[in-house]
């Protein structure tokens, strides 16, 4: 398995966003498995004909999104997306619960609001 990226300069989408989207899509689809080592920022920048800062920005956003993890001098790797998603969801749930409590809502009202939001988001009636 190998990273396959193309950057189209005339699409109207910033090059860093094209890199970010393609890496995220390949990680999500399994084309890039968990633990796959990504090229260095400089190496990928050279390969794509981009500035190193452009690739570095894409890597920073991917790391913030939990798609990749950087292990210091060892490089950047595809992260276990499920783990990052579960952690992020747990943090959001904790913030929501604290906010609902602060607003004086009881647990039933807080659950009802979540149920309504999930129904609206997932369109499952």
PDB file of N, CA and C in Angstrom:
ATOM      1  N   UNK A   1       0.838  -1.178   0.000  1.00  0.00           N
ATOM      2  CA  UNK A   1       0.000   0.000   0.000  1.00  0.00           C
ATOM      3  C   UNK A   1       0.879   1.236   0.000  1.00  0.00           C
ATOM      4  N   UNK A   2       0.440   2.185  -0.753  1.00  0.00           N
ATOM      5  CA  UNK A   2       1.234   3.395  -0.871  1.00  0.00           C
ATOM      6  C   UNK A   2       0.326   4.616  -0.940  1.00  0.00           C
ATOM      7  N   UNK A   3       0.839   5.708  -0.460  1.00  0.00           N
ATOM      8  CA  UNK A   3       0.117   6.974  -0.486  1.00  0.00           C
ATOM      9  C   UNK A   3       0.080   7.480  -1.921  1.00  0.00           C
ATOM     10  N   UNK A   4      -1.109   7.800  -2.400  1.00  0.00           N
ATOM     11  CA  UNK A   4      -1.266   8.325  -3.758  1.00  0.00           C
ATOM     12  C   UNK A   4      -1.975   9.671  -3.674  1.00  0.00           C
ATOM     13  N   UNK A   5      -1.227  10.717  -3.995  1.00  0.00           N
ATOM     14  CA  UNK A   5      -1.784  12.069  -3.930  1.00  0.00           C
ATOM     15  C   UNK A   5      -1.547  12.788  -5.240  1.00  0.00           C
ATOM     16  N   UNK A   6      -2.531  13.595  -5.611  1.00  0.00           N
ATOM     17  CA  UNK A   6      -2.360  14.519  -6.724  1.00  0.00           C
ATOM     18  C   UNK A   6      -2.885  15.869  -6.265  1.00  0.00           C
ATOM     19  N   UNK A   7      -2.173  16.890  -6.643  1.00  0.00           N
ATOM     20  CA  UNK A   7      -2.596  18.243  -6.318  1.00  0.00           C
ATOM     21  C   UNK A   7      -2.862  18.972  -7.625  1.00  0.00           C
ATOM     22  N   UNK A   8      -4.084  19.430  -7.759  1.00  0.00           N
ATOM     23  CA  UNK A   8      -4.503  20.140  -8.970  1.00  0.00           C
ATOM     24  C   UNK A   8      -4.530  21.639  -8.661  1.00  0.00           C
ATOM     25  N   UNK A   9      -3.661  22.411  -9.269  1.00  0.00           N
ATOM     26  CA  UNK A   9      -3.572  23.832  -8.937  1.00  0.00           C
ATOM     27  C   UNK A   9      -4.782  24.663  -9.359  1.00  0.00           C
ATOM     28  N   UNK A  10      -5.560  24.198 -10.328  1.00  0.00           N
ATOM     29  CA  UNK A  10      -6.653  25.004 -10.875  1.00  0.00           C
ATOM     30  C   UNK A  10      -8.031  24.646 -10.333  1.00  0.00           C
ATOM     31  N   UNK A  11      -8.097  23.920  -9.218  1.00  0.00           N
ATOM     32  CA  UNK A  11      -9.397  23.477  -8.713  1.00  0.00           C
ATOM     33  C   UNK A  11     -10.094  24.515  -7.844  1.00  0.00           C
ATOM     34  N   UNK A  12      -9.354  25.503  -7.356  1.00  0.00           N
ATOM     35  CA  UNK A  12      -9.947  26.464  -6.428  1.00  0.00           C
ATOM     36  C   UNK A  12      -9.871  25.992  -4.987  1.00  0.00           C
ATOM     37  N   UNK A  13      -9.364  24.783  -4.770  1.00  0.00           N
ATOM     38  CA  UNK A  13      -9.177  24.263  -3.420  1.00  0.00           C
ATOM     39  C   UNK A  13      -7.696  24.392  -3.081  1.00  0.00           C
ATOM     40  N   UNK A  14      -7.418  24.934  -1.904  1.00  0.00           N
ATOM     41  CA  UNK A  14      -6.030  25.139  -1.488  1.00  0.00           C
ATOM     42  C   UNK A  14      -5.256  23.821  -1.515  1.00  0.00           C
ATOM     43  N   UNK A  15      -3.994  23.858  -1.930  1.00  0.00           N
ATOM     44  CA  UNK A  15      -3.193  22.630  -1.983  1.00  0.00           C
ATOM     45  C   UNK A  15      -3.132  21.879  -0.646  1.00  0.00           C
ATOM     46  N   UNK A  16      -2.999  22.599   0.481  1.00  0.00           N
ATOM     47  CA  UNK A  16      -2.937  21.900   1.769  1.00  0.00           C
ATOM     48  C   UNK A  16      -4.233  21.140   2.022  1.00  0.00           C
ATOM     49  N   UNK A  17      -5.365  21.718   1.591  1.00  0.00           N
ATOM     50  CA  UNK A  17      -6.663  21.074   1.786  1.00  0.00           C
ATOM     51  C   UNK A  17      -6.792  19.844   0.887  1.00  0.00           C
ATOM     52  N   UNK A  18      -6.244  19.912  -0.310  1.00  0.00           N
ATOM     53  CA  UNK A  18      -6.254  18.746  -1.189  1.00  0.00           C
ATOM     54  C   UNK A  18      -5.451  17.599  -0.572  1.00  0.00           C
ATOM     55  N   UNK A  19      -4.292  17.925  -0.017  1.00  0.00           N
ATOM     56  CA  UNK A  19      -3.461  16.910   0.641  1.00  0.00           C
ATOM     57  C   UNK A  19      -4.208  16.349   1.846  1.00  0.00           C
ATOM     58  N   UNK A  20      -4.757  17.227   2.676  1.00  0.00           N
ATOM     59  CA  UNK A  20      -5.470  16.805   3.886  1.00  0.00           C
ATOM     60  C   UNK A  20      -6.623  15.870   3.540  1.00  0.00           C
ATOM     61  N   UNK A  21      -7.438  16.281   2.572  1.00  0.00           N
ATOM     62  CA  UNK A  21      -8.612  15.499   2.193  1.00  0.00           C
ATOM     63  C   UNK A  21      -8.225  14.130   1.652  1.00  0.00           C
ATOM     64  N   UNK A  22      -7.234  14.093   0.784  1.00  0.00           N
ATOM     65  CA  UNK A  22      -6.846  12.820   0.176  1.00  0.00           C
ATOM     66  C   UNK A  22      -6.247  11.849   1.203  1.00  0.00           C
ATOM     67  N   UNK A  23      -5.421  12.366   2.122  1.00  0.00           N
ATOM     68  CA  UNK A  23      -4.857  11.491   3.155  1.00  0.00           C
ATOM     69  C   UNK A  23      -5.976  10.989   4.059  1.00  0.00           C
ATOM     70  N   UNK A  24      -6.871  11.885   4.474  1.00  0.00           N
ATOM     71  CA  UNK A  24      -7.981  11.488   5.349  1.00  0.00           C
ATOM     72  C   UNK A  24      -8.867  10.457   4.662  1.00  0.00           C
ATOM     73  N   UNK A  25      -9.188  10.658   3.401  1.00  0.00           N
ATOM     74  CA  UNK A  25     -10.034   9.711   2.664  1.00  0.00           C
ATOM     75  C   UNK A  25      -9.368   8.341   2.552  1.00  0.00           C
ATOM     76  N   UNK A  26      -8.065   8.327   2.262  1.00  0.00           N
ATOM     77  CA  UNK A  26      -7.350   7.056   2.125  1.00  0.00           C
ATOM     78  C   UNK A  26      -7.221   6.346   3.477  1.00  0.00           C
ATOM     79  N   UNK A  27      -7.079   7.112   4.549  1.00  0.00           N
ATOM     80  CA  UNK A  27      -7.019   6.510   5.885  1.00  0.00           C
ATOM     81  C   UNK A  27      -8.375   5.925   6.253  1.00  0.00           C
ATOM     82  N   UNK A  28      -9.432   6.688   5.986  1.00  0.00           N
ATOM     83  CA  UNK A  28     -10.791   6.240   6.313  1.00  0.00           C
ATOM     84  C   UNK A  28     -11.195   4.996   5.536  1.00  0.00           C
ATOM     85  N   UNK A  29     -10.791   4.930   4.274  1.00  0.00           N
ATOM     86  CA  UNK A  29     -11.179   3.797   3.421  1.00  0.00           C
ATOM     87  C   UNK A  29     -10.354   2.537   3.697  1.00  0.00           C
ATOM     88  N   UNK A  30      -9.248   2.709   4.410  1.00  0.00           N
ATOM     89  CA  UNK A  30      -8.367   1.577   4.665  1.00  0.00           C
ATOM     90  C   UNK A  30      -7.274   1.424   3.629  1.00  0.00           C
ATOM     91  N   UNK A  31      -7.272   2.276   2.601  1.00  0.00           N
ATOM     92  CA  UNK A  31      -6.203   2.230   1.604  1.00  0.00           C
ATOM     93  C   UNK A  31      -4.852   2.493   2.264  1.00  0.00           C
ATOM     94  N   UNK A  32      -4.864   3.299   3.318  1.00  0.00           N
ATOM     95  CA  UNK A  32      -3.683   3.502   4.159  1.00  0.00           C
ATOM     96  C   UNK A  32      -4.017   2.914   5.526  1.00  0.00           C
ATOM     97  N   UNK A  33      -3.417   1.796   5.885  1.00  0.00           N
ATOM     98  CA  UNK A  33      -3.780   1.137   7.143  1.00  0.00           C
ATOM     99  C   UNK A  33      -3.224   1.863   8.363  1.00  0.00           C
ATOM    100  N   UNK A  34      -3.805   1.575   9.504  1.00  0.00           N
ATOM    101  CA  UNK A  34      -3.306   2.106  10.771  1.00  0.00           C
ATOM    102  C   UNK A  34      -1.838   1.732  10.895  1.00  0.00           C
ATOM    103  N   UNK A  35      -1.017   2.718  11.251  1.00  0.00           N
ATOM    104  CA  UNK A  35       0.413   2.489  11.415  1.00  0.00           C
ATOM    105  C   UNK A  35       1.236   2.756  10.173  1.00  0.00           C
ATOM    106  N   UNK A  36       0.578   3.040   9.042  1.00  0.00           N
ATOM    107  CA  UNK A  36       1.306   3.336   7.804  1.00  0.00           C
ATOM    108  C   UNK A  36       2.141   4.593   8.022  1.00  0.00           C
ATOM    109  N   UNK A  37       3.421   4.519   7.694  1.00  0.00           N
ATOM    110  CA  UNK A  37       4.308   5.671   7.865  1.00  0.00           C
ATOM    111  C   UNK A  37       4.204   6.595   6.656  1.00  0.00           C
ATOM    112  N   UNK A  38       3.868   7.838   6.928  1.00  0.00           N
ATOM    113  CA  UNK A  38       3.750   8.842   5.865  1.00  0.00           C
ATOM    114  C   UNK A  38       5.134   9.371   5.491  1.00  0.00           C
ATOM    115  N   UNK A  39       5.262   9.902   4.286  1.00  0.00           N
ATOM    116  CA  UNK A  39       6.530  10.532   3.916  1.00  0.00           C
ATOM    117  C   UNK A  39       6.813  11.739   4.822  1.00  0.00           C
ATOM    118  N   UNK A  40       8.064  12.110   4.894  1.00  0.00           N
ATOM    119  CA  UNK A  40       8.405  13.319   5.649  1.00  0.00           C
ATOM    120  C   UNK A  40       7.747  14.516   4.980  1.00  0.00           C
ATOM    121  N   UNK A  41       7.609  15.578   5.721  1.00  0.00           N
ATOM    122  CA  UNK A  41       7.029  16.803   5.171  1.00  0.00           C
ATOM    123  C   UNK A  41       7.829  17.246   3.958  1.00  0.00           C
ATOM    124  N   UNK A  42       9.133  17.313   4.106  1.00  0.00           N
ATOM    125  CA  UNK A  42       9.978  17.765   2.990  1.00  0.00           C
ATOM    126  C   UNK A  42       9.910  16.818   1.804  1.00  0.00           C
ATOM    127  N   UNK A  43       9.913  15.524   2.092  1.00  0.00           N
ATOM    128  CA  UNK A  43       9.861  14.537   1.016  1.00  0.00           C
ATOM    129  C   UNK A  43       8.575  14.629   0.215  1.00  0.00           C
ATOM    130  N   UNK A  44       7.451  14.740   0.920  1.00  0.00           N
ATOM    131  CA  UNK A  44       6.170  14.839   0.228  1.00  0.00           C
ATOM    132  C   UNK A  44       6.052  16.170  -0.510  1.00  0.00           C
ATOM    133  N   UNK A  45       6.558  17.232   0.091  1.00  0.00           N
ATOM    134  CA  UNK A  45       6.529  18.541  -0.570  1.00  0.00           C
ATOM    135  C   UNK A  45       7.300  18.493  -1.887  1.00  0.00           C
ATOM    136  N   UNK A  46       8.469  17.884  -1.844  1.00  0.00           N
ATOM    137  CA  UNK A  46       9.261  17.755  -3.074  1.00  0.00           C
ATOM    138  C   UNK A  46       8.529  16.933  -4.124  1.00  0.00           C
ATOM    139  N   UNK A  47       7.981  15.816  -3.680  1.00  0.00           N
ATOM    140  CA  UNK A  47       7.278  14.911  -4.599  1.00  0.00           C
ATOM    141  C   UNK A  47       6.102  15.600  -5.286  1.00  0.00           C
ATOM    142  N   UNK A  48       5.390  16.445  -4.529  1.00  0.00           N
ATOM    143  CA  UNK A  48       4.197  17.101  -5.062  1.00  0.00           C
ATOM    144  C   UNK A  48       4.479  18.479  -5.664  1.00  0.00           C
ATOM    145  N   UNK A  49       5.702  18.961  -5.499  1.00  0.00           N
ATOM    146  CA  UNK A  49       6.039  20.290  -5.995  1.00  0.00           C
ATOM    147  C   UNK A  49       5.402  21.395  -5.181  1.00  0.00           C
ATOM    148  N   UNK A  50       5.305  21.179  -3.876  1.00  0.00           N
ATOM    149  CA  UNK A  50       4.702  22.152  -2.972  1.00  0.00           C
ATOM    150  C   UNK A  50       5.741  22.684  -1.995  1.00  0.00           C
ATOM    151  N   UNK A  51       5.405  23.778  -1.352  1.00  0.00           N
ATOM    152  CA  UNK A  51       6.252  24.290  -0.281  1.00  0.00           C
ATOM    153  C   UNK A  51       6.113  23.380   0.938  1.00  0.00           C
ATOM    154  N   UNK A  52       7.199  23.221   1.670  1.00  0.00           N
ATOM    155  CA  UNK A  52       7.173  22.377   2.870  1.00  0.00           C
ATOM    156  C   UNK A  52       6.124  22.872   3.857  1.00  0.00           C
ATOM    157  N   UNK A  53       5.936  24.182   3.961  1.00  0.00           N
ATOM    158  CA  UNK A  53       4.937  24.728   4.883  1.00  0.00           C
ATOM    159  C   UNK A  53       3.519  24.287   4.514  1.00  0.00           C
ATOM    160  N   UNK A  54       3.259  24.087   3.231  1.00  0.00           N
ATOM    161  CA  UNK A  54       1.944  23.640   2.775  1.00  0.00           C
ATOM    162  C   UNK A  54       1.659  22.228   3.282  1.00  0.00           C
ATOM    163  N   UNK A  55       2.624  21.341   3.125  1.00  0.00           N
ATOM    164  CA  UNK A  55       2.461  19.964   3.593  1.00  0.00           C
ATOM    165  C   UNK A  55       2.429  19.936   5.123  1.00  0.00           C
ATOM    166  N   UNK A  56       3.261  20.743   5.758  1.00  0.00           N
ATOM    167  CA  UNK A  56       3.278  20.800   7.224  1.00  0.00           C
ATOM    168  C   UNK A  56       1.914  21.225   7.755  1.00  0.00           C
ATOM    169  N   UNK A  57       1.274  22.180   7.088  1.00  0.00           N
ATOM    170  CA  UNK A  57      -0.056  22.619   7.508  1.00  0.00           C
ATOM    171  C   UNK A  57      -1.066  21.483   7.382  1.00  0.00           C
ATOM    172  N   UNK A  58      -1.007  20.750   6.289  1.00  0.00           N
ATOM    173  CA  UNK A  58      -1.914  19.612   6.102  1.00  0.00           C
ATOM    174  C   UNK A  58      -1.689  18.574   7.199  1.00  0.00           C
ATOM    175  N   UNK A  59      -0.439  18.267   7.515  1.00  0.00           N
ATOM    176  CA  UNK A  59      -0.128  17.300   8.563  1.00  0.00           C
ATOM    177  C   UNK A  59      -0.630  17.786   9.926  1.00  0.00           C
ATOM    178  N   UNK A  60      -0.473  19.080  10.210  1.00  0.00           N
ATOM    179  CA  UNK A  60      -0.952  19.621  11.498  1.00  0.00           C
ATOM    180  C   UNK A  60      -2.463  19.441  11.632  1.00  0.00           C
ATOM    181  N   UNK A  61      -3.203  19.749  10.573  1.00  0.00           N
ATOM    182  CA  UNK A  61      -4.662  19.611  10.607  1.00  0.00           C
ATOM    183  C   UNK A  61      -5.047  18.132  10.722  1.00  0.00           C
ATOM    184  N   UNK A  62      -4.373  17.274   9.981  1.00  0.00           N
ATOM    185  CA  UNK A  62      -4.650  15.839  10.073  1.00  0.00           C
ATOM    186  C   UNK A  62      -4.389  15.314  11.485  1.00  0.00           C
ATOM    187  N   UNK A  63      -3.342  15.816  12.112  1.00  0.00           N
ATOM    188  CA  UNK A  63      -3.043  15.388  13.483  1.00  0.00           C
ATOM    189  C   UNK A  63      -4.107  15.908  14.446  1.00  0.00           C
ATOM    190  N   UNK A  64      -4.511  17.158  14.272  1.00  0.00           N
ATOM    191  CA  UNK A  64      -5.560  17.727  15.129  1.00  0.00           C
ATOM    192  C   UNK A  64      -6.875  16.968  14.961  1.00  0.00           C
ATOM    193  N   UNK A  65      -7.130  16.457  13.768  1.00  0.00           N
ATOM    194  CA  UNK A  65      -8.350  15.694  13.496  1.00  0.00           C
ATOM    195  C   UNK A  65      -8.241  14.233  13.929  1.00  0.00           C
ATOM    196  N   UNK A  66      -7.061  13.823  14.386  1.00  0.00           N
ATOM    197  CA  UNK A  66      -6.874  12.450  14.829  1.00  0.00           C
ATOM    198  C   UNK A  66      -6.660  11.447  13.711  1.00  0.00           C
ATOM    199  N   UNK A  67      -6.402  11.932  12.499  1.00  0.00           N
ATOM    200  CA  UNK A  67      -6.185  11.040  11.359  1.00  0.00           C
ATOM    201  C   UNK A  67      -4.762  10.485  11.382  1.00  0.00           C
ATOM    202  N   UNK A  68      -3.809  11.335  11.754  1.00  0.00           N
ATOM    203  CA  UNK A  68      -2.425  10.886  11.850  1.00  0.00           C
ATOM    204  C   UNK A  68      -1.904  11.197  13.243  1.00  0.00           C
ATOM    205  N   UNK A  69      -0.807  10.543  13.579  1.00  0.00           N
ATOM    206  CA  UNK A  69      -0.114  10.849  14.822  1.00  0.00           C
ATOM    207  C   UNK A  69       1.357  10.999  14.508  1.00  0.00           C
ATOM    208  N   UNK A  70       1.980  11.968  15.148  1.00  0.00           N
ATOM    209  CA  UNK A  70       3.395  12.202  14.946  1.00  0.00           C
ATOM    210  C   UNK A  70       4.139  11.655  16.146  1.00  0.00           C
ATOM    211  N   UNK A  71       5.153  10.869  15.867  1.00  0.00           N
ATOM    212  CA  UNK A  71       5.947  10.240  16.923  1.00  0.00           C
ATOM    213  C   UNK A  71       7.348  10.820  16.928  1.00  0.00           C
ATOM    214  N   UNK A  72       7.408  12.120  17.132  1.00  0.00           N
ATOM    215  CA  UNK A  72       8.702  12.801  17.201  1.00  0.00           C
ATOM    216  C   UNK A  72       9.552  12.562  15.981  1.00  0.00           C
ATOM    217  N   UNK A  73      10.799  12.157  16.215  1.00  0.00           N
ATOM    218  CA  UNK A  73      11.744  11.949  15.124  1.00  0.00           C
ATOM    219  C   UNK A  73      11.425  10.707  14.291  1.00  0.00           C
ATOM    220  N   UNK A  74      10.527   9.873  14.778  1.00  0.00           N
ATOM    221  CA  UNK A  74      10.194   8.644  14.057  1.00  0.00           C
ATOM    222  C   UNK A  74       9.270   8.891  12.882  1.00  0.00           C
ATOM    223  N   UNK A  75       8.591  10.036  12.855  1.00  0.00           N
ATOM    224  CA  UNK A  75       7.751  10.385  11.723  1.00  0.00           C
ATOM    225  C   UNK A  75       6.273  10.449  12.047  1.00  0.00           C
ATOM    226  N   UNK A  76       5.487  10.526  10.995  1.00  0.00           N
ATOM    227  CA  UNK A  76       4.032  10.623  11.111  1.00  0.00           C
ATOM    228  C   UNK A  76       3.407   9.351  10.558  1.00  0.00           C
ATOM    229  N   UNK A  77       2.375   8.870  11.255  1.00  0.00           N
ATOM    230  CA  UNK A  77       1.747   7.598  10.941  1.00  0.00           C
ATOM    231  C   UNK A  77       0.235   7.743  10.925  1.00  0.00           C
ATOM    232  N   UNK A  78      -0.434   6.883  10.165  1.00  0.00           N
ATOM    233  CA  UNK A  78      -1.890   6.846  10.192  1.00  0.00           C
ATOM    234  C   UNK A  78      -2.306   6.348  11.574  1.00  0.00           C
ATOM    235  N   UNK A  79      -3.189   7.094  12.215  1.00  0.00           N
ATOM    236  CA  UNK A  79      -3.639   6.775  13.572  1.00  0.00           C
ATOM    237  C   UNK A  79      -4.830   5.823  13.531  1.00  0.00           C
ATOM    238  N   UNK A  80      -5.072   5.210  14.654  1.00  0.00           N
ATOM    239  CA  UNK A  80      -6.268   4.379  14.814  1.00  0.00           C
ATOM    240  C   UNK A  80      -7.439   5.332  14.957  1.00  0.00           C
ATOM    241  N   UNK A  81      -8.130   5.588  13.866  1.00  0.00           N
ATOM    242  CA  UNK A  81      -9.168   6.617  13.818  1.00  0.00           C
ATOM    243  C   UNK A  81     -10.263   6.381  14.838  1.00  0.00           C
ATOM    244  N   UNK A  82     -10.610   5.134  15.048  1.00  0.00           N
ATOM    245  CA  UNK A  82     -11.662   4.848  16.004  1.00  0.00           C
ATOM    246  C   UNK A  82     -11.318   5.356  17.386  1.00  0.00           C
ATOM    247  N   UNK A  83     -10.069   5.169  17.792  1.00  0.00           N
ATOM    248  CA  UNK A  83      -9.639   5.622  19.109  1.00  0.00           C
ATOM    249  C   UNK A  83      -9.773   7.136  19.232  1.00  0.00           C
ATOM    250  N   UNK A  84      -9.311   7.863  18.231  1.00  0.00           N
ATOM    251  CA  UNK A  84      -9.375   9.317  18.269  1.00  0.00           C
ATOM    252  C   UNK A  84     -10.825   9.797  18.260  1.00  0.00           C
ATOM    253  N   UNK A  85     -11.650   9.150  17.451  1.00  0.00           N
ATOM    254  CA  UNK A  85     -13.057   9.549  17.372  1.00  0.00           C
ATOM    255  C   UNK A  85     -13.765   9.296  18.695  1.00  0.00           C
ATOM    256  N   UNK A  86     -13.473   8.167  19.315  1.00  0.00           N
ATOM    257  CA  UNK A  86     -14.114   7.848  20.600  1.00  0.00           C
ATOM    258  C   UNK A  86     -13.678   8.850  21.666  1.00  0.00           C
ATOM    259  N   UNK A  87     -12.388   9.184  21.687  1.00  0.00           N
ATOM    260  CA  UNK A  87     -11.895  10.166  22.671  1.00  0.00           C
ATOM    261  C   UNK A  87     -12.547  11.528  22.459  1.00  0.00           C
ATOM    262  N   UNK A  88     -12.627  11.959  21.196  1.00  0.00           N
ATOM    263  CA  UNK A  88     -13.218  13.260  20.901  1.00  0.00           C
ATOM    264  C   UNK A  88     -14.700  13.280  21.267  1.00  0.00           C
ATOM    265  N   UNK A  89     -15.401  12.206  20.964  1.00  0.00           N
ATOM    266  CA  UNK A  89     -16.817  12.124  21.295  1.00  0.00           C
ATOM    267  C   UNK A  89     -17.029  12.132  22.808  1.00  0.00           C
ATOM    268  N   UNK A  90     -16.200  11.424  23.548  1.00  0.00           N
ATOM    269  CA  UNK A  90     -16.311  11.410  25.006  1.00  0.00           C
ATOM    270  C   UNK A  90     -16.085  12.799  25.583  1.00  0.00           C
ATOM    271  N   UNK A  91     -15.113  13.521  25.037  1.00  0.00           N
ATOM    272  CA  UNK A  91     -14.853  14.883  25.511  1.00  0.00           C
ATOM    273  C   UNK A  91     -16.031  15.802  25.207  1.00  0.00           C
ATOM    274  N   UNK A  92     -16.606  15.662  24.021  1.00  0.00           N
ATOM    275  CA  UNK A  92     -17.765  16.482  23.656  1.00  0.00           C
ATOM    276  C   UNK A  92     -18.958  16.142  24.538  1.00  0.00           C
ATOM    277  N   UNK A  93     -19.149  14.866  24.832  1.00  0.00           N
ATOM    278  CA  UNK A  93     -20.266  14.454  25.687  1.00  0.00           C
ATOM    279  C   UNK A  93     -20.102  15.016  27.094  1.00  0.00           C
ATOM    280  N   UNK A  94     -18.874  14.992  27.589  1.00  0.00           N
ATOM    281  CA  UNK A  94     -18.633  15.545  28.931  1.00  0.00           C
ATOM    282  C   UNK A  94     -18.930  17.047  28.961  1.00  0.00           C
ATOM    283  N   UNK A  95     -18.492  17.763  27.948  1.00  0.00           N
ATOM    284  CA  UNK A  95     -18.779  19.200  27.873  1.00  0.00           C
ATOM    285  C   UNK A  95     -20.284  19.454  27.805  1.00  0.00           C
ATOM    286  N   UNK A  96     -20.973  18.645  26.995  1.00  0.00           N
ATOM    287  CA  UNK A  96     -22.425  18.789  26.876  1.00  0.00           C
ATOM    288  C   UNK A  96     -23.104  18.545  28.224  1.00  0.00           C
ATOM    289  N   UNK A  97     -22.703  17.478  28.902  1.00  0.00           N
ATOM    290  CA  UNK A  97     -23.326  17.149  30.189  1.00  0.00           C
ATOM    291  C   UNK A  97     -23.106  18.265  31.205  1.00  0.00           C
ATOM    292  N   UNK A  98     -21.895  18.791  31.244  1.00  0.00           N
ATOM    293  CA  UNK A  98     -21.605  19.897  32.176  1.00  0.00           C
ATOM    294  C   UNK A  98     -22.446  21.133  31.839  1.00  0.00           C
ATOM    295  N   UNK A  99     -22.559  21.429  30.551  1.00  0.00           N
ATOM    296  CA  UNK A  99     -23.331  22.604  30.127  1.00  0.00           C
ATOM    297  C   UNK A  99     -24.816  22.424  30.459  1.00  0.00           C
ATOM    298  N   UNK A 100     -25.357  21.251  30.192  1.00  0.00           N
ATOM    299  CA  UNK A 100     -26.765  20.989  30.503  1.00  0.00           C
ATOM    300  C   UNK A 100     -27.011  21.122  32.002  1.00  0.00           C
ATOM    301  N   UNK A 101     -26.112  20.598  32.801  1.00  0.00           N
ATOM    302  CA  UNK A 101     -26.236  20.711  34.264  1.00  0.00           C
ATOM    303  C   UNK A 101     -26.170  22.168  34.689  1.00  0.00           C
ATOM    304  N   UNK A 102     -25.218  22.908  34.113  1.00  0.00           N
ATOM    305  CA  UNK A 102     -25.063  24.336  34.423  1.00  0.00           C
ATOM    306  C   UNK A 102     -26.334  25.114  34.083  1.00  0.00           C
ATOM    307  N   UNK A 103     -27.007  24.709  33.019  1.00  0.00           N
ATOM    308  CA  UNK A 103     -28.243  25.385  32.607  1.00  0.00           C
ATOM    309  C   UNK A 103     -29.446  24.968  33.448  1.00  0.00           C
ATOM    310  N   UNK A 104     -29.240  24.008  34.328  1.00  0.00           N
ATOM    311  CA  UNK A 104     -30.315  23.581  35.215  1.00  0.00           C
ATOM    312  C   UNK A 104     -31.223  22.511  34.641  1.00  0.00           C
ATOM    313  N   UNK A 105     -30.798  21.866  33.557  1.00  0.00           N
ATOM    314  CA  UNK A 105     -31.615  20.811  32.956  1.00  0.00           C
ATOM    315  C   UNK A 105     -31.413  19.504  33.720  1.00  0.00           C
ATOM    316  N   UNK A 106     -32.472  18.720  33.835  1.00  0.00           N
ATOM    317  CA  UNK A 106     -32.304  17.409  34.454  1.00  0.00           C
ATOM    318  C   UNK A 106     -31.830  16.421  33.380  1.00  0.00           C
ATOM    319  N   UNK A 107     -31.497  15.197  33.801  1.00  0.00           N
ATOM    320  CA  UNK A 107     -30.956  14.214  32.863  1.00  0.00           C
ATOM    321  C   UNK A 107     -31.940  13.870  31.747  1.00  0.00           C
ATOM    322  N   UNK A 108     -33.218  13.818  32.063  1.00  0.00           N
ATOM    323  CA  UNK A 108     -34.220  13.484  31.040  1.00  0.00           C
ATOM    324  C   UNK A 108     -34.246  14.543  29.945  1.00  0.00           C
ATOM    325  N   UNK A 109     -34.191  15.803  30.338  1.00  0.00           N
ATOM    326  CA  UNK A 109     -34.196  16.891  29.342  1.00  0.00           C
ATOM    327  C   UNK A 109     -32.913  16.871  28.511  1.00  0.00           C
ATOM    328  N   UNK A 110     -31.792  16.606  29.163  1.00  0.00           N
ATOM    329  CA  UNK A 110     -30.515  16.547  28.443  1.00  0.00           C
ATOM    330  C   UNK A 110     -30.525  15.394  27.439  1.00  0.00           C
ATOM    331  N   UNK A 111     -31.027  14.237  27.851  1.00  0.00           N
ATOM    332  CA  UNK A 111     -31.111  13.082  26.946  1.00  0.00           C
ATOM    333  C   UNK A 111     -32.054  13.375  25.781  1.00  0.00           C
ATOM    334  N   UNK A 112     -33.180  14.012  26.071  1.00  0.00           N
ATOM    335  CA  UNK A 112     -34.151  14.324  25.018  1.00  0.00           C
ATOM    336  C   UNK A 112     -33.532  15.241  23.966  1.00  0.00           C
ATOM    337  N   UNK A 113     -32.751  16.203  24.413  1.00  0.00           N
ATOM    338  CA  UNK A 113     -32.102  17.118  23.466  1.00  0.00           C
ATOM    339  C   UNK A 113     -31.109  16.361  22.579  1.00  0.00           C
ATOM    340  N   UNK A 114     -30.360  15.433  23.180  1.00  0.00           N
ATOM    341  CA  UNK A 114     -29.411  14.633  22.399  1.00  0.00           C
ATOM    342  C   UNK A 114     -30.159  13.741  21.416  1.00  0.00           C
ATOM    343  N   UNK A 115     -31.218  13.103  21.867  1.00  0.00           N
ATOM    344  CA  UNK A 115     -32.009  12.235  20.995  1.00  0.00           C
ATOM    345  C   UNK A 115     -32.557  13.016  19.808  1.00  0.00           C
ATOM    346  N   UNK A 116     -33.082  14.203  20.059  1.00  0.00           N
ATOM    347  CA  UNK A 116     -33.598  15.040  18.972  1.00  0.00           C
ATOM    348  C   UNK A 116     -32.491  15.423  17.992  1.00  0.00           C
ATOM    349  N   UNK A 117     -31.331  15.776  18.516  1.00  0.00           N
ATOM    350  CA  UNK A 117     -30.217  16.175  17.656  1.00  0.00           C
ATOM    351  C   UNK A 117     -29.732  14.997  16.815  1.00  0.00           C
ATOM    352  N   UNK A 118     -29.644  13.817  17.418  1.00  0.00           N
ATOM    353  CA  UNK A 118     -29.233  12.632  16.667  1.00  0.00           C
ATOM    354  C   UNK A 118     -30.241  12.285  15.583  1.00  0.00           C
ATOM    355  N   UNK A 119     -31.503  12.367  15.912  1.00  0.00           N
ATOM    356  CA  UNK A 119     -32.555  12.075  14.936  1.00  0.00           C
ATOM    357  C   UNK A 119     -32.459  13.043  13.762  1.00  0.00           C
ATOM    358  N   UNK A 120     -32.264  14.319  14.047  1.00  0.00           N
ATOM    359  CA  UNK A 120     -32.161  15.315  12.979  1.00  0.00           C
ATOM    360  C   UNK A 120     -30.903  15.118  12.142  1.00  0.00           C
ATOM    361  N   UNK A 121     -29.819  14.752  12.784  1.00  0.00           N
ATOM    362  CA  UNK A 121     -28.551  14.602  12.079  1.00  0.00           C
ATOM    363  C   UNK A 121     -28.506  13.337  11.233  1.00  0.00           C
ATOM    364  N   UNK A 122     -28.988  12.238  11.800  1.00  0.00           N
ATOM    365  CA  UNK A 122     -28.923  10.961  11.095  1.00  0.00           C
ATOM    366  C   UNK A 122     -30.165  10.685  10.255  1.00  0.00           C
ATOM    367  N   UNK A 123     -31.162  11.563  10.320  1.00  0.00           N
ATOM    368  CA  UNK A 123     -32.372  11.461   9.510  1.00  0.00           C
ATOM    369  C   UNK A 123     -33.039  10.097   9.608  1.00  0.00           C
ATOM    370  N   UNK A 124     -33.097   9.558  10.821  1.00  0.00           N
ATOM    371  CA  UNK A 124     -33.718   8.249  10.952  1.00  0.00           C
ATOM    372  C   UNK A 124     -35.098   8.312  11.604  1.00  0.00           C
ATOM    373  N   UNK A 125     -35.709   9.466  11.445  1.00  0.00           N
ATOM    374  CA  UNK A 125     -37.089   9.654  11.840  1.00  0.00           C
ATOM    375  C   UNK A 125     -37.344   9.458  13.252  1.00  0.00           C
TER     376      UNK A 125
END
